[in-house]
PDB file of N, CA and C in Angstrom:
ATOM      1  N   UNK A   1       0.844  -1.161   0.000  1.00  0.00           N
ATOM      2  CA  UNK A   1       0.000   0.000   0.000  1.00  0.00           C
ATOM      3  C   UNK A   1       0.895   1.230   0.000  1.00  0.00           C
ATOM      4  N   UNK A   2       0.501   2.221  -0.744  1.00  0.00           N
ATOM      5  CA  UNK A   2       1.297   3.446  -0.777  1.00  0.00           C
ATOM      6  C   UNK A   2       0.913   4.357   0.381  1.00  0.00           C
ATOM      7  N   UNK A   3       1.778   5.291   0.661  1.00  0.00           N
ATOM      8  CA  UNK A   3       1.523   6.284   1.704  1.00  0.00           C
ATOM      9  C   UNK A   3       0.270   7.081   1.357  1.00  0.00           C
ATOM     10  N   UNK A   4       0.112   7.431   0.090  1.00  0.00           N
ATOM     11  CA  UNK A   4      -1.067   8.189  -0.348  1.00  0.00           C
ATOM     12  C   UNK A   4      -2.347   7.390  -0.133  1.00  0.00           C
ATOM     13  N   UNK A   5      -2.309   6.075  -0.422  1.00  0.00           N
ATOM     14  CA  UNK A   5      -3.484   5.223  -0.189  1.00  0.00           C
ATOM     15  C   UNK A   5      -3.856   5.188   1.283  1.00  0.00           C
ATOM     16  N   UNK A   6      -2.853   5.042   2.148  1.00  0.00           N
ATOM     17  CA  UNK A   6      -3.104   4.994   3.587  1.00  0.00           C
ATOM     18  C   UNK A   6      -3.750   6.282   4.065  1.00  0.00           C
ATOM     19  N   UNK A   7      -3.161   7.418   3.690  1.00  0.00           N
ATOM     20  CA  UNK A   7      -3.653   8.690   4.189  1.00  0.00           C
ATOM     21  C   UNK A   7      -4.906   9.159   3.462  1.00  0.00           C
ATOM     22  N   UNK A   8      -5.340   8.440   2.438  1.00  0.00           N
ATOM     23  CA  UNK A   8      -6.657   8.691   1.846  1.00  0.00           C
ATOM     24  C   UNK A   8      -7.742   8.075   2.732  1.00  0.00           C
ATOM     25  N   UNK A   9      -7.374   7.036   3.504  1.00  0.00           N
ATOM     26  CA  UNK A   9      -8.324   6.365   4.396  1.00  0.00           C
ATOM     27  C   UNK A   9      -8.276   6.903   5.822  1.00  0.00           C
ATOM     28  N   UNK A  10      -7.058   7.251   6.283  1.00  0.00           N
ATOM     29  CA  UNK A  10      -6.843   7.709   7.659  1.00  0.00           C
ATOM     30  C   UNK A  10      -6.086   9.034   7.586  1.00  0.00           C
ATOM     31  N   UNK A  11      -6.563  10.018   8.302  1.00  0.00           N
ATOM     32  CA  UNK A  11      -5.934  11.333   8.269  1.00  0.00           C
ATOM     33  C   UNK A  11      -4.529  11.303   8.868  1.00  0.00           C
ATOM     34  N   UNK A  12      -3.573  11.795   8.105  1.00  0.00           N
ATOM     35  CA  UNK A  12      -2.194  11.850   8.599  1.00  0.00           C
ATOM     36  C   UNK A  12      -2.088  12.743   9.836  1.00  0.00           C
ATOM     37  N   UNK A  13      -2.929  13.766   9.909  1.00  0.00           N
ATOM     38  CA  UNK A  13      -2.876  14.679  11.055  1.00  0.00           C
ATOM     39  C   UNK A  13      -3.356  14.015  12.350  1.00  0.00           C
ATOM     40  N   UNK A  14      -3.992  12.845  12.246  1.00  0.00           N
ATOM     41  CA  UNK A  14      -4.427  12.111  13.434  1.00  0.00           C
ATOM     42  C   UNK A  14      -3.296  11.301  14.048  1.00  0.00           C
ATOM     43  N   UNK A  15      -2.137  11.313  13.419  1.00  0.00           N
ATOM     44  CA  UNK A  15      -1.007  10.529  13.922  1.00  0.00           C
ATOM     45  C   UNK A  15       0.071  11.431  14.504  1.00  0.00           C
ATOM     46  N   UNK A  16       0.891  10.822  15.351  1.00  0.00           N
ATOM     47  CA  UNK A  16       2.096  11.482  15.851  1.00  0.00           C
ATOM     48  C   UNK A  16       3.272  10.607  15.444  1.00  0.00           C
ATOM     49  N   UNK A  17       4.386  11.225  15.136  1.00  0.00           N
ATOM     50  CA  UNK A  17       5.574  10.476  14.726  1.00  0.00           C
ATOM     51  C   UNK A  17       6.377  10.119  15.965  1.00  0.00           C
ATOM     52  N   UNK A  18       6.667   8.835  16.108  1.00  0.00           N
ATOM     53  CA  UNK A  18       7.450   8.320  17.228  1.00  0.00           C
ATOM     54  C   UNK A  18       8.667   7.591  16.675  1.00  0.00           C
ATOM     55  N   UNK A  19       9.837   7.878  17.216  1.00  0.00           N
ATOM     56  CA  UNK A  19      11.056   7.183  16.815  1.00  0.00           C
ATOM     57  C   UNK A  19      11.215   5.930  17.663  1.00  0.00           C
ATOM     58  N   UNK A  20      11.297   4.773  17.006  1.00  0.00           N
ATOM     59  CA  UNK A  20      11.433   3.497  17.698  1.00  0.00           C
ATOM     60  C   UNK A  20      12.666   2.762  17.191  1.00  0.00           C
ATOM     61  N   UNK A  21      13.403   2.158  18.107  1.00  0.00           N
ATOM     62  CA  UNK A  21      14.594   1.385  17.742  1.00  0.00           C
ATOM     63  C   UNK A  21      14.174  -0.011  17.313  1.00  0.00           C
ATOM     64  N   UNK A  22      14.776  -0.468  16.195  1.00  0.00           N
ATOM     65  CA  UNK A  22      14.490  -1.804  15.686  1.00  0.00           C
ATOM     66  C   UNK A  22      15.718  -2.305  14.940  1.00  0.00           C
ATOM     67  N   UNK A  23      16.248  -3.426  15.359  1.00  0.00           N
ATOM     68  CA  UNK A  23      17.380  -4.021  14.660  1.00  0.00           C
ATOM     69  C   UNK A  23      18.607  -3.132  14.599  1.00  0.00           C
ATOM     70  N   UNK A  24      18.846  -2.367  15.646  1.00  0.00           N
ATOM     71  CA  UNK A  24      20.045  -1.532  15.684  1.00  0.00           C
ATOM     72  C   UNK A  24      19.921  -0.202  14.976  1.00  0.00           C
ATOM     73  N   UNK A  25      18.725   0.124  14.456  1.00  0.00           N
ATOM     74  CA  UNK A  25      18.532   1.440  13.848  1.00  0.00           C
ATOM     75  C   UNK A  25      17.225   2.036  14.345  1.00  0.00           C
ATOM     76  N   UNK A  26      17.066   3.326  14.156  1.00  0.00           N
ATOM     77  CA  UNK A  26      15.874   4.023  14.618  1.00  0.00           C
ATOM     78  C   UNK A  26      14.973   4.296  13.425  1.00  0.00           C
ATOM     79  N   UNK A  27      13.697   3.902  13.555  1.00  0.00           N
ATOM     80  CA  UNK A  27      12.697   4.133  12.515  1.00  0.00           C
ATOM     81  C   UNK A  27      11.658   5.115  13.035  1.00  0.00           C
ATOM     82  N   UNK A  28      11.140   5.964  12.160  1.00  0.00           N
ATOM     83  CA  UNK A  28      10.070   6.897  12.511  1.00  0.00           C
ATOM     84  C   UNK A  28       8.730   6.268  12.141  1.00  0.00           C
ATOM     85  N   UNK A  29       7.911   5.986  13.154  1.00  0.00           N
ATOM     86  CA  UNK A  29       6.594   5.371  12.970  1.00  0.00           C
ATOM     87  C   UNK A  29       5.528   6.441  13.133  1.00  0.00           C
ATOM     88  N   UNK A  30       4.489   6.359  12.341  1.00  0.00           N
ATOM     89  CA  UNK A  30       3.295   7.175  12.550  1.00  0.00           C
ATOM     90  C   UNK A  30       2.404   6.384  13.502  1.00  0.00           C
ATOM     91  N   UNK A  31       2.089   6.961  14.661  1.00  0.00           N
ATOM     92  CA  UNK A  31       1.276   6.269  15.643  1.00  0.00           C
ATOM     93  C   UNK A  31      -0.076   6.966  15.764  1.00  0.00           C
ATOM     94  N   UNK A  32      -1.142   6.194  15.571  1.00  0.00           N
ATOM     95  CA  UNK A  32      -2.510   6.688  15.663  1.00  0.00           C
ATOM     96  C   UNK A  32      -3.055   6.278  17.031  1.00  0.00           C
ATOM     97  N   UNK A  33      -3.068   7.219  17.975  1.00  0.00           N
ATOM     98  CA  UNK A  33      -3.438   6.896  19.349  1.00  0.00           C
ATOM     99  C   UNK A  33      -4.880   6.415  19.460  1.00  0.00           C
ATOM    100  N   UNK A  34      -5.793   7.006  18.703  1.00  0.00           N
ATOM    101  CA  UNK A  34      -7.202   6.601  18.783  1.00  0.00           C
ATOM    102  C   UNK A  34      -7.425   5.177  18.278  1.00  0.00           C
ATOM    103  N   UNK A  35      -6.562   4.715  17.394  1.00  0.00           N
ATOM    104  CA  UNK A  35      -6.689   3.370  16.831  1.00  0.00           C
ATOM    105  C   UNK A  35      -5.746   2.367  17.484  1.00  0.00           C
ATOM    106  N   UNK A  36      -4.860   2.839  18.365  1.00  0.00           N
ATOM    107  CA  UNK A  36      -3.825   1.984  18.956  1.00  0.00           C
ATOM    108  C   UNK A  36      -3.032   1.268  17.866  1.00  0.00           C
ATOM    109  N   UNK A  37      -2.654   2.017  16.832  1.00  0.00           N
ATOM    110  CA  UNK A  37      -1.998   1.433  15.667  1.00  0.00           C
ATOM    111  C   UNK A  37      -0.799   2.281  15.254  1.00  0.00           C
ATOM    112  N   UNK A  38       0.289   1.589  14.933  1.00  0.00           N
ATOM    113  CA  UNK A  38       1.470   2.257  14.410  1.00  0.00           C
ATOM    114  C   UNK A  38       1.741   1.790  12.995  1.00  0.00           C
ATOM    115  N   UNK A  39       2.228   2.706  12.157  1.00  0.00           N
ATOM    116  CA  UNK A  39       2.517   2.381  10.763  1.00  0.00           C
ATOM    117  C   UNK A  39       3.923   2.869  10.428  1.00  0.00           C
ATOM    118  N   UNK A  40       4.726   1.971   9.879  1.00  0.00           N
ATOM    119  CA  UNK A  40       6.063   2.327   9.418  1.00  0.00           C
ATOM    120  C   UNK A  40       5.992   2.551   7.915  1.00  0.00           C
ATOM    121  N   UNK A  41       6.370   3.744   7.491  1.00  0.00           N
ATOM    122  CA  UNK A  41       6.366   4.090   6.072  1.00  0.00           C
ATOM    123  C   UNK A  41       7.801   4.288   5.634  1.00  0.00           C
ATOM    124  N   UNK A  42       8.153   3.607   4.556  1.00  0.00           N
ATOM    125  CA  UNK A  42       9.510   3.703   4.018  1.00  0.00           C
ATOM    126  C   UNK A  42       9.415   3.810   2.495  1.00  0.00           C
ATOM    127  N   UNK A  43      10.085   4.791   1.932  1.00  0.00           N
ATOM    128  CA  UNK A  43      10.059   5.026   0.483  1.00  0.00           C
ATOM    129  C   UNK A  43       8.636   5.172  -0.045  1.00  0.00           C
ATOM    130  N   UNK A  44       7.801   5.919   0.688  1.00  0.00           N
ATOM    131  CA  UNK A  44       6.398   6.183   0.341  1.00  0.00           C
ATOM    132  C   UNK A  44       5.541   4.933   0.240  1.00  0.00           C
ATOM    133  N   UNK A  45       5.949   3.854   0.921  1.00  0.00           N
ATOM    134  CA  UNK A  45       5.175   2.604   0.979  1.00  0.00           C
ATOM    135  C   UNK A  45       5.007   2.190   2.432  1.00  0.00           C
ATOM    136  N   UNK A  46       3.864   1.577   2.754  1.00  0.00           N
ATOM    137  CA  UNK A  46       3.655   1.028   4.094  1.00  0.00           C
ATOM    138  C   UNK A  46       4.515  -0.223   4.204  1.00  0.00           C
ATOM    139  N   UNK A  47       5.442  -0.202   5.141  1.00  0.00           N
ATOM    140  CA  UNK A  47       6.342  -1.338   5.320  1.00  0.00           C
ATOM    141  C   UNK A  47       5.879  -2.253   6.450  1.00  0.00           C
ATOM    142  N   UNK A  48       5.272  -1.683   7.507  1.00  0.00           N
ATOM    143  CA  UNK A  48       4.843  -2.488   8.649  1.00  0.00           C
ATOM    144  C   UNK A  48       3.695  -1.797   9.371  1.00  0.00           C
ATOM    145  N   UNK A  49       2.869  -2.619  10.004  1.00  0.00           N
ATOM    146  CA  UNK A  49       1.765  -2.137  10.834  1.00  0.00           C
ATOM    147  C   UNK A  49       1.827  -2.893  12.155  1.00  0.00           C
ATOM    148  N   UNK A  50       1.617  -2.170  13.237  1.00  0.00           N
ATOM    149  CA  UNK A  50       1.564  -2.802  14.546  1.00  0.00           C
ATOM    150  C   UNK A  50       0.339  -2.291  15.289  1.00  0.00           C
ATOM    151  N   UNK A  51      -0.244  -3.137  16.106  1.00  0.00           N
ATOM    152  CA  UNK A  51      -1.394  -2.722  16.905  1.00  0.00           C
ATOM    153  C   UNK A  51      -1.123  -3.015  18.368  1.00  0.00           C
ATOM    154  N   UNK A  52      -1.733  -2.203  19.222  1.00  0.00           N
ATOM    155  CA  UNK A  52      -1.625  -2.389  20.654  1.00  0.00           C
ATOM    156  C   UNK A  52      -2.933  -2.998  21.136  1.00  0.00           C
ATOM    157  N   UNK A  53      -2.871  -4.160  21.747  1.00  0.00           N
ATOM    158  CA  UNK A  53      -4.113  -4.757  22.227  1.00  0.00           C
ATOM    159  C   UNK A  53      -4.736  -3.932  23.358  1.00  0.00           C
ATOM    160  N   UNK A  54      -6.043  -3.876  23.343  1.00  0.00           N
ATOM    161  CA  UNK A  54      -6.777  -3.171  24.377  1.00  0.00           C
ATOM    162  C   UNK A  54      -7.608  -4.200  25.126  1.00  0.00           C
ATOM    163  N   UNK A  55      -7.451  -4.217  26.437  1.00  0.00           N
ATOM    164  CA  UNK A  55      -8.192  -5.167  27.264  1.00  0.00           C
ATOM    165  C   UNK A  55      -9.380  -4.425  27.892  1.00  0.00           C
ATOM    166  N   UNK A  56     -10.548  -4.901  27.579  1.00  0.00           N
ATOM    167  CA  UNK A  56     -11.764  -4.298  28.101  1.00  0.00           C
ATOM    168  C   UNK A  56     -12.029  -4.812  29.503  1.00  0.00           C
ATOM    169  N   UNK A  57     -12.173  -3.887  30.416  1.00  0.00           N
ATOM    170  CA  UNK A  57     -12.498  -4.254  31.799  1.00  0.00           C
ATOM    171  C   UNK A  57     -13.815  -3.594  32.152  1.00  0.00           C
ATOM    172  N   UNK A  58     -14.904  -4.315  31.922  1.00  0.00           N
ATOM    173  CA  UNK A  58     -16.194  -3.671  32.136  1.00  0.00           C
ATOM    174  C   UNK A  58     -17.118  -4.411  33.020  1.00  0.00           C
TER     175      UNK A  58
END
């Protein structure tokens, strides 16, 4: 998926950029707090997606 495709579905302004270490280097991830989802974009392509599990205590 391209960066343009992703941000056509989800607003880029809804994310914050977080630097995370992976494999000895630092990558800049777009993190969407409302979705508990992080997206790594490299060369204008989505390279990885991560989600944070949410445990409902109700």
